[in-house]
Amino acid sequence: MPKYCRAPHCSNAAGQARPPGRRLSFYKFPLHDAPRLRRWLTQMRRENWLPTRHQHLCSDHFEPSCFQYRWGVRYLRPDAVPTIF
């Protein structure tokens, strides 16, 4: 199943061409962490919407401080909340 960003007005999808140096990654909604999920949905201004386990947000909606790097791989911090919409 292809990955698409579920943020309002975002058309990013996996496999799209990106400018050099602009990595795009996708992150699942924290469905297992209700308080954090509420913060994500509030930031998205979608409080009355519930994502499924197959829906994602792209890395364009997170500040650089939301990421950590291990062995050259970018991971979303466990407490990260998207703020760029």
PDB file of N, CA and C in Angstrom:
ATOM      1  N   MET A   1       0.843  -1.164   0.000  1.00  0.00           N
ATOM      2  CA  MET A   1       0.000   0.000   0.000  1.00  0.00           C
ATOM      3  C   MET A   1       0.899   1.241   0.000  1.00  0.00           C
ATOM      4  N   PRO A   2       0.709   2.158  -0.941  1.00  0.00           N
ATOM      5  CA  PRO A   2       1.547   3.365  -0.981  1.00  0.00           C
ATOM      6  C   PRO A   2       1.271   4.266   0.218  1.00  0.00           C
ATOM      7  N   LYS A   3       2.273   5.010   0.616  1.00  0.00           N
ATOM      8  CA  LYS A   3       2.132   5.911   1.755  1.00  0.00           C
ATOM      9  C   LYS A   3       1.841   7.320   1.252  1.00  0.00           C
ATOM     10  N   TYR A   4       0.828   7.930   1.853  1.00  0.00           N
ATOM     11  CA  TYR A   4       0.447   9.308   1.574  1.00  0.00           C
ATOM     12  C   TYR A   4       0.370  10.043   2.894  1.00  0.00           C
ATOM     13  N   CYS A   5       0.692  11.320   2.864  1.00  0.00           N
ATOM     14  CA  CYS A   5       0.583  12.129   4.072  1.00  0.00           C
ATOM     15  C   CYS A   5      -0.880  12.518   4.265  1.00  0.00           C
ATOM     16  N   ARG A   6      -1.368  12.371   5.499  1.00  0.00           N
ATOM     17  CA  ARG A   6      -2.764  12.662   5.818  1.00  0.00           C
ATOM     18  C   ARG A   6      -2.963  14.059   6.392  1.00  0.00           C
ATOM     19  N   ALA A   7      -1.932  14.879   6.391  1.00  0.00           N
ATOM     20  CA  ALA A   7      -2.083  16.251   6.877  1.00  0.00           C
ATOM     21  C   ALA A   7      -2.939  17.050   5.895  1.00  0.00           C
ATOM     22  N   PRO A   8      -3.750  17.961   6.409  1.00  0.00           N
ATOM     23  CA  PRO A   8      -4.555  18.800   5.523  1.00  0.00           C
ATOM     24  C   PRO A   8      -3.679  19.580   4.545  1.00  0.00           C
ATOM     25  N   HIS A   9      -4.068  19.587   3.312  1.00  0.00           N
ATOM     26  CA  HIS A   9      -3.413  20.344   2.241  1.00  0.00           C
ATOM     27  C   HIS A   9      -1.996  19.859   1.928  1.00  0.00           C
ATOM     28  N   CYS A  10      -1.648  18.650   2.290  1.00  0.00           N
ATOM     29  CA  CYS A  10      -0.334  18.082   1.969  1.00  0.00           C
ATOM     30  C   CYS A  10      -0.535  16.974   0.937  1.00  0.00           C
ATOM     31  N   SER A  11       0.251  17.026  -0.117  1.00  0.00           N
ATOM     32  CA  SER A  11       0.114  16.025  -1.182  1.00  0.00           C
ATOM     33  C   SER A  11       1.345  15.129  -1.286  1.00  0.00           C
ATOM     34  N   ASN A  12       2.167  15.082  -0.244  1.00  0.00           N
ATOM     35  CA  ASN A  12       3.360  14.247  -0.282  1.00  0.00           C
ATOM     36  C   ASN A  12       2.991  12.767  -0.281  1.00  0.00           C
ATOM     37  N   ALA A  13       3.726  12.027  -1.085  1.00  0.00           N
ATOM     38  CA  ALA A  13       3.513  10.585  -1.176  1.00  0.00           C
ATOM     39  C   ALA A  13       4.866   9.917  -1.342  1.00  0.00           C
ATOM     40  N   ALA A  14       4.953   8.686  -0.887  1.00  0.00           N
ATOM     41  CA  ALA A  14       6.196   7.924  -1.033  1.00  0.00           C
ATOM     42  C   ALA A  14       6.475   7.742  -2.527  1.00  0.00           C
ATOM     43  N   GLY A  15       7.728   7.879  -2.900  1.00  0.00           N
ATOM     44  CA  GLY A  15       8.130   7.677  -4.279  1.00  0.00           C
ATOM     45  C   GLY A  15       8.158   8.943  -5.123  1.00  0.00           C
ATOM     46  N   GLN A  16       7.707  10.071  -4.575  1.00  0.00           N
ATOM     47  CA  GLN A  16       7.753  11.329  -5.311  1.00  0.00           C
ATOM     48  C   GLN A  16       9.193  11.813  -5.424  1.00  0.00           C
ATOM     49  N   ALA A  17       9.494  12.466  -6.525  1.00  0.00           N
ATOM     50  CA  ALA A  17      10.823  13.062  -6.703  1.00  0.00           C
ATOM     51  C   ALA A  17      10.971  14.228  -5.729  1.00  0.00           C
ATOM     52  N   ARG A  18      12.136  14.319  -5.097  1.00  0.00           N
ATOM     53  CA  ARG A  18      12.432  15.379  -4.144  1.00  0.00           C
ATOM     54  C   ARG A  18      13.729  16.055  -4.538  1.00  0.00           C
ATOM     55  N   PRO A  19      13.883  17.326  -4.189  1.00  0.00           N
ATOM     56  CA  PRO A  19      15.163  17.986  -4.445  1.00  0.00           C
ATOM     57  C   PRO A  19      16.276  17.293  -3.661  1.00  0.00           C
ATOM     58  N   PRO A  20      17.500  17.342  -4.160  1.00  0.00           N
ATOM     59  CA  PRO A  20      18.615  16.720  -3.426  1.00  0.00           C
ATOM     60  C   PRO A  20      18.724  17.281  -2.010  1.00  0.00           C
ATOM     61  N   GLY A  21      18.954  16.393  -1.062  1.00  0.00           N
ATOM     62  CA  GLY A  21      19.108  16.803   0.326  1.00  0.00           C
ATOM     63  C   GLY A  21      17.793  16.952   1.077  1.00  0.00           C
ATOM     64  N   ARG A  22      16.663  16.771   0.435  1.00  0.00           N
ATOM     65  CA  ARG A  22      15.356  16.882   1.092  1.00  0.00           C
ATOM     66  C   ARG A  22      14.749  15.501   1.238  1.00  0.00           C
ATOM     67  N   ARG A  23      15.142  14.816   2.287  1.00  0.00           N
ATOM     68  CA  ARG A  23      14.618  13.475   2.538  1.00  0.00           C
ATOM     69  C   ARG A  23      13.190  13.559   3.034  1.00  0.00           C
ATOM     70  N   LEU A  24      12.382  12.630   2.588  1.00  0.00           N
ATOM     71  CA  LEU A  24      10.999  12.559   3.029  1.00  0.00           C
ATOM     72  C   LEU A  24      10.780  11.191   3.648  1.00  0.00           C
ATOM     73  N   SER A  25      10.217  11.171   4.835  1.00  0.00           N
ATOM     74  CA  SER A  25       9.894   9.904   5.484  1.00  0.00           C
ATOM     75  C   SER A  25       8.488  10.015   6.054  1.00  0.00           C
ATOM     76  N   PHE A  26       7.906   8.880   6.355  1.00  0.00           N
ATOM     77  CA  PHE A  26       6.522   8.820   6.824  1.00  0.00           C
ATOM     78  C   PHE A  26       6.463   8.144   8.180  1.00  0.00           C
ATOM     79  N   TYR A  27       5.568   8.648   9.027  1.00  0.00           N
ATOM     80  CA  TYR A  27       5.460   8.153  10.393  1.00  0.00           C
ATOM     81  C   TYR A  27       4.004   7.849  10.714  1.00  0.00           C
ATOM     82  N   LYS A  28       3.790   6.709  11.358  1.00  0.00           N
ATOM     83  CA  LYS A  28       2.446   6.298  11.749  1.00  0.00           C
ATOM     84  C   LYS A  28       1.957   7.156  12.910  1.00  0.00           C
ATOM     85  N   PHE A  29       0.665   7.296  12.989  1.00  0.00           N
ATOM     86  CA  PHE A  29       0.062   8.001  14.111  1.00  0.00           C
ATOM     87  C   PHE A  29       0.232   7.167  15.380  1.00  0.00           C
ATOM     88  N   PRO A  30       0.431   7.820  16.526  1.00  0.00           N
ATOM     89  CA  PRO A  30       0.640   7.077  17.786  1.00  0.00           C
ATOM     90  C   PRO A  30      -0.687   6.567  18.360  1.00  0.00           C
ATOM     91  N   LEU A  31      -1.273   5.597  17.702  1.00  0.00           N
ATOM     92  CA  LEU A  31      -2.590   5.093  18.103  1.00  0.00           C
ATOM     93  C   LEU A  31      -2.579   4.451  19.480  1.00  0.00           C
ATOM     94  N   HIS A  32      -1.440   3.961  19.923  1.00  0.00           N
ATOM     95  CA  HIS A  32      -1.322   3.305  21.222  1.00  0.00           C
ATOM     96  C   HIS A  32      -1.107   4.284  22.379  1.00  0.00           C
ATOM     97  N   ASP A  33      -0.936   5.565  22.077  1.00  0.00           N
ATOM     98  CA  ASP A  33      -0.656   6.595  23.076  1.00  0.00           C
ATOM     99  C   ASP A  33      -1.708   7.697  22.938  1.00  0.00           C
ATOM    100  N   ALA A  34      -2.836   7.536  23.621  1.00  0.00           N
ATOM    101  CA  ALA A  34      -3.976   8.444  23.458  1.00  0.00           C
ATOM    102  C   ALA A  34      -3.651   9.920  23.723  1.00  0.00           C
ATOM    103  N   PRO A  35      -2.916  10.269  24.784  1.00  0.00           N
ATOM    104  CA  PRO A  35      -2.607  11.698  24.992  1.00  0.00           C
ATOM    105  C   PRO A  35      -1.770  12.286  23.854  1.00  0.00           C
ATOM    106  N   ARG A  36      -0.799  11.537  23.392  1.00  0.00           N
ATOM    107  CA  ARG A  36       0.048  12.027  22.297  1.00  0.00           C
ATOM    108  C   ARG A  36      -0.759  12.112  20.998  1.00  0.00           C
ATOM    109  N   LEU A  37      -1.620  11.146  20.741  1.00  0.00           N
ATOM    110  CA  LEU A  37      -2.462  11.190  19.547  1.00  0.00           C
ATOM    111  C   LEU A  37      -3.354  12.426  19.575  1.00  0.00           C
ATOM    112  N   ARG A  38      -3.916  12.758  20.721  1.00  0.00           N
ATOM    113  CA  ARG A  38      -4.740  13.965  20.833  1.00  0.00           C
ATOM    114  C   ARG A  38      -3.929  15.210  20.490  1.00  0.00           C
ATOM    115  N   ARG A  39      -2.676  15.266  20.944  1.00  0.00           N
ATOM    116  CA  ARG A  39      -1.826  16.424  20.615  1.00  0.00           C
ATOM    117  C   ARG A  39      -1.570  16.500  19.115  1.00  0.00           C
ATOM    118  N   TRP A  40      -1.320  15.339  18.488  1.00  0.00           N
ATOM    119  CA  TRP A  40      -1.103  15.316  17.035  1.00  0.00           C
ATOM    120  C   TRP A  40      -2.342  15.845  16.317  1.00  0.00           C
ATOM    121  N   LEU A  41      -3.514  15.332  16.679  1.00  0.00           N
ATOM    122  CA  LEU A  41      -4.754  15.716  16.002  1.00  0.00           C
ATOM    123  C   LEU A  41      -5.109  17.175  16.261  1.00  0.00           C
ATOM    124  N   THR A  42      -4.816  17.669  17.467  1.00  0.00           N
ATOM    125  CA  THR A  42      -5.052  19.075  17.774  1.00  0.00           C
ATOM    126  C   THR A  42      -4.167  19.958  16.905  1.00  0.00           C
ATOM    127  N   GLN A  43      -2.906  19.603  16.766  1.00  0.00           N
ATOM    128  CA  GLN A  43      -1.993  20.373  15.922  1.00  0.00           C
ATOM    129  C   GLN A  43      -2.455  20.371  14.462  1.00  0.00           C
ATOM    130  N   MET A  44      -3.027  19.268  14.030  1.00  0.00           N
ATOM    131  CA  MET A  44      -3.528  19.148  12.660  1.00  0.00           C
ATOM    132  C   MET A  44      -4.880  19.837  12.489  1.00  0.00           C
ATOM    133  N   ARG A  45      -5.497  20.244  13.617  1.00  0.00           N
ATOM    134  CA  ARG A  45      -6.854  20.803  13.627  1.00  0.00           C
ATOM    135  C   ARG A  45      -7.858  19.797  13.074  1.00  0.00           C
ATOM    136  N   ARG A  46      -7.707  18.550  13.536  1.00  0.00           N
ATOM    137  CA  ARG A  46      -8.608  17.470  13.129  1.00  0.00           C
ATOM    138  C   ARG A  46      -9.020  16.663  14.357  1.00  0.00           C
ATOM    139  N   GLU A  47      -9.515  17.347  15.391  1.00  0.00           N
ATOM    140  CA  GLU A  47      -9.857  16.700  16.650  1.00  0.00           C
ATOM    141  C   GLU A  47     -10.942  15.634  16.504  1.00  0.00           C
ATOM    142  N   ASN A  48     -11.832  15.773  15.547  1.00  0.00           N
ATOM    143  CA  ASN A  48     -12.953  14.844  15.387  1.00  0.00           C
ATOM    144  C   ASN A  48     -12.685  13.763  14.351  1.00  0.00           C
ATOM    145  N   TRP A  49     -11.441  13.524  14.044  1.00  0.00           N
ATOM    146  CA  TRP A  49     -11.046  12.526  13.052  1.00  0.00           C
ATOM    147  C   TRP A  49     -10.163  11.496  13.737  1.00  0.00           C
ATOM    148  N   LEU A  50     -10.303  10.234  13.395  1.00  0.00           N
ATOM    149  CA  LEU A  50      -9.470   9.193  13.981  1.00  0.00           C
ATOM    150  C   LEU A  50      -8.730   8.458  12.868  1.00  0.00           C
ATOM    151  N   PRO A  51      -7.408   8.507  12.858  1.00  0.00           N
ATOM    152  CA  PRO A  51      -6.641   7.831  11.809  1.00  0.00           C
ATOM    153  C   PRO A  51      -6.646   6.312  12.016  1.00  0.00           C
ATOM    154  N   THR A  52      -6.354   5.609  10.956  1.00  0.00           N
ATOM    155  CA  THR A  52      -6.222   4.160  11.037  1.00  0.00           C
ATOM    156  C   THR A  52      -4.747   3.813  11.153  1.00  0.00           C
ATOM    157  N   ARG A  53      -4.461   2.556  11.350  1.00  0.00           N
ATOM    158  CA  ARG A  53      -3.057   2.131  11.483  1.00  0.00           C
ATOM    159  C   ARG A  53      -2.319   2.181  10.156  1.00  0.00           C
ATOM    160  N   HIS A  54      -3.024   2.423   9.062  1.00  0.00           N
ATOM    161  CA  HIS A  54      -2.403   2.485   7.741  1.00  0.00           C
ATOM    162  C   HIS A  54      -2.155   3.915   7.269  1.00  0.00           C
ATOM    163  N   GLN A  55      -2.439   4.910   8.100  1.00  0.00           N
ATOM    164  CA  GLN A  55      -2.278   6.303   7.706  1.00  0.00           C
ATOM    165  C   GLN A  55      -1.039   6.898   8.366  1.00  0.00           C
ATOM    166  N   HIS A  56      -0.444   7.894   7.679  1.00  0.00           N
ATOM    167  CA  HIS A  56       0.848   8.451   8.088  1.00  0.00           C
ATOM    168  C   HIS A  56       0.865   9.974   7.986  1.00  0.00           C
ATOM    169  N   LEU A  57       1.848  10.560   8.657  1.00  0.00           N
ATOM    170  CA  LEU A  57       2.228  11.959   8.460  1.00  0.00           C
ATOM    171  C   LEU A  57       3.641  11.962   7.910  1.00  0.00           C
ATOM    172  N   CYS A  58       3.932  12.914   7.044  1.00  0.00           N
ATOM    173  CA  CYS A  58       5.286  12.976   6.483  1.00  0.00           C
ATOM    174  C   CYS A  58       6.197  13.840   7.355  1.00  0.00           C
ATOM    175  N   SER A  59       7.474  13.698   7.129  1.00  0.00           N
ATOM    176  CA  SER A  59       8.487  14.386   7.927  1.00  0.00           C
ATOM    177  C   SER A  59       8.454  15.903   7.754  1.00  0.00           C
ATOM    178  N   ASP A  60       7.799  16.408   6.709  1.00  0.00           N
ATOM    179  CA  ASP A  60       7.710  17.856   6.513  1.00  0.00           C
ATOM    180  C   ASP A  60       6.941  18.561   7.623  1.00  0.00           C
ATOM    181  N   HIS A  61       6.202  17.825   8.436  1.00  0.00           N
ATOM    182  CA  HIS A  61       5.367  18.431   9.473  1.00  0.00           C
ATOM    183  C   HIS A  61       6.016  18.412  10.855  1.00  0.00           C
ATOM    184  N   PHE A  62       7.278  18.005  10.908  1.00  0.00           N
ATOM    185  CA  PHE A  62       8.000  17.925  12.177  1.00  0.00           C
ATOM    186  C   PHE A  62       9.229  18.832  12.140  1.00  0.00           C
ATOM    187  N   GLU A  63       9.499  19.485  13.257  1.00  0.00           N
ATOM    188  CA  GLU A  63      10.706  20.312  13.397  1.00  0.00           C
ATOM    189  C   GLU A  63      11.937  19.398  13.389  1.00  0.00           C
ATOM    190  N   PRO A  64      13.100  19.917  12.992  1.00  0.00           N
ATOM    191  CA  PRO A  64      14.324  19.098  13.031  1.00  0.00           C
ATOM    192  C   PRO A  64      14.615  18.514  14.413  1.00  0.00           C
ATOM    193  N   SER A  65      14.216  19.205  15.467  1.00  0.00           N
ATOM    194  CA  SER A  65      14.466  18.706  16.827  1.00  0.00           C
ATOM    195  C   SER A  65      13.613  17.480  17.174  1.00  0.00           C
ATOM    196  N   CYS A  66      12.649  17.138  16.345  1.00  0.00           N
ATOM    197  CA  CYS A  66      11.789  15.977  16.579  1.00  0.00           C
ATOM    198  C   CYS A  66      12.456  14.664  16.154  1.00  0.00           C
ATOM    199  N   PHE A  67      13.621  14.766  15.525  1.00  0.00           N
ATOM    200  CA  PHE A  67      14.281  13.577  15.003  1.00  0.00           C
ATOM    201  C   PHE A  67      15.544  13.249  15.775  1.00  0.00           C
ATOM    202  N   GLN A  68      15.871  11.982  15.794  1.00  0.00           N
ATOM    203  CA  GLN A  68      17.149  11.528  16.323  1.00  0.00           C
ATOM    204  C   GLN A  68      17.758  10.614  15.271  1.00  0.00           C
ATOM    205  N   TYR A  69      19.064  10.534  15.262  1.00  0.00           N
ATOM    206  CA  TYR A  69      19.767   9.734  14.263  1.00  0.00           C
ATOM    207  C   TYR A  69      20.554   8.637  14.954  1.00  0.00           C
ATOM    208  N   ARG A  70      20.412   7.439  14.446  1.00  0.00           N
ATOM    209  CA  ARG A  70      21.184   6.303  14.933  1.00  0.00           C
ATOM    210  C   ARG A  70      21.687   5.538  13.731  1.00  0.00           C
ATOM    211  N   TRP A  71      22.974   5.343  13.682  1.00  0.00           N
ATOM    212  CA  TRP A  71      23.621   4.605  12.602  1.00  0.00           C
ATOM    213  C   TRP A  71      23.227   5.144  11.234  1.00  0.00           C
ATOM    214  N   GLY A  72      23.103   6.456  11.136  1.00  0.00           N
ATOM    215  CA  GLY A  72      22.772   7.096   9.871  1.00  0.00           C
ATOM    216  C   GLY A  72      21.304   7.027   9.481  1.00  0.00           C
ATOM    217  N   VAL A  73      20.458   6.545  10.383  1.00  0.00           N
ATOM    218  CA  VAL A  73      19.033   6.425  10.101  1.00  0.00           C
ATOM    219  C   VAL A  73      18.277   7.452  10.944  1.00  0.00           C
ATOM    220  N   ARG A  74      17.324   8.129  10.329  1.00  0.00           N
ATOM    221  CA  ARG A  74      16.533   9.145  11.028  1.00  0.00           C
ATOM    222  C   ARG A  74      15.290   8.492  11.637  1.00  0.00           C
ATOM    223  N   TYR A  75      15.113   8.716  12.939  1.00  0.00           N
ATOM    224  CA  TYR A  75      13.963   8.202  13.677  1.00  0.00           C
ATOM    225  C   TYR A  75      13.208   9.367  14.290  1.00  0.00           C
ATOM    226  N   LEU A  76      11.913   9.195  14.431  1.00  0.00           N
ATOM    227  CA  LEU A  76      11.100  10.184  15.118  1.00  0.00           C
ATOM    228  C   LEU A  76      11.229   9.949  16.621  1.00  0.00           C
ATOM    229  N   ARG A  77      11.485  11.010  17.370  1.00  0.00           N
ATOM    230  CA  ARG A  77      11.602  10.880  18.826  1.00  0.00           C
ATOM    231  C   ARG A  77      10.264  10.398  19.413  1.00  0.00           C
ATOM    232  N   PRO A  78      10.318   9.619  20.479  1.00  0.00           N
ATOM    233  CA  PRO A  78       9.080   9.077  21.066  1.00  0.00           C
ATOM    234  C   PRO A  78       8.112  10.141  21.574  1.00  0.00           C
ATOM    235  N   ASP A  79       8.589  11.359  21.855  1.00  0.00           N
ATOM    236  CA  ASP A  79       7.719  12.413  22.353  1.00  0.00           C
ATOM    237  C   ASP A  79       7.406  13.480  21.294  1.00  0.00           C
ATOM    238  N   ALA A  80       7.777  13.227  20.047  1.00  0.00           N
ATOM    239  CA  ALA A  80       7.615  14.215  18.977  1.00  0.00           C
ATOM    240  C   ALA A  80       6.138  14.468  18.675  1.00  0.00           C
ATOM    241  N   VAL A  81       5.853  15.760  18.406  1.00  0.00           N
ATOM    242  CA  VAL A  81       4.512  16.181  18.025  1.00  0.00           C
ATOM    243  C   VAL A  81       4.669  17.077  16.784  1.00  0.00           C
ATOM    244  N   PRO A  82       3.885  16.840  15.737  1.00  0.00           N
ATOM    245  CA  PRO A  82       4.009  17.675  14.532  1.00  0.00           C
ATOM    246  C   PRO A  82       3.538  19.097  14.801  1.00  0.00           C
ATOM    247  N   THR A  83       4.259  20.088  14.247  1.00  0.00           N
ATOM    248  CA  THR A  83       3.902  21.474  14.474  1.00  0.00           C
ATOM    249  C   THR A  83       3.851  22.301  13.194  1.00  0.00           C
ATOM    250  N   ILE A  84       4.237  21.748  12.066  1.00  0.00           N
ATOM    251  CA  ILE A  84       4.329  22.515  10.828  1.00  0.00           C
ATOM    252  C   ILE A  84       3.177  22.118   9.907  1.00  0.00           C
ATOM    253  N   PHE A  85       2.218  23.041   9.749  1.00  0.00           N
ATOM    254  CA  PHE A  85       1.072  22.777   8.869  1.00  0.00           C
ATOM    255  C   PHE A  85       0.761  23.995   8.039  1.00  0.00           C
TER     256      PHE A  85
END
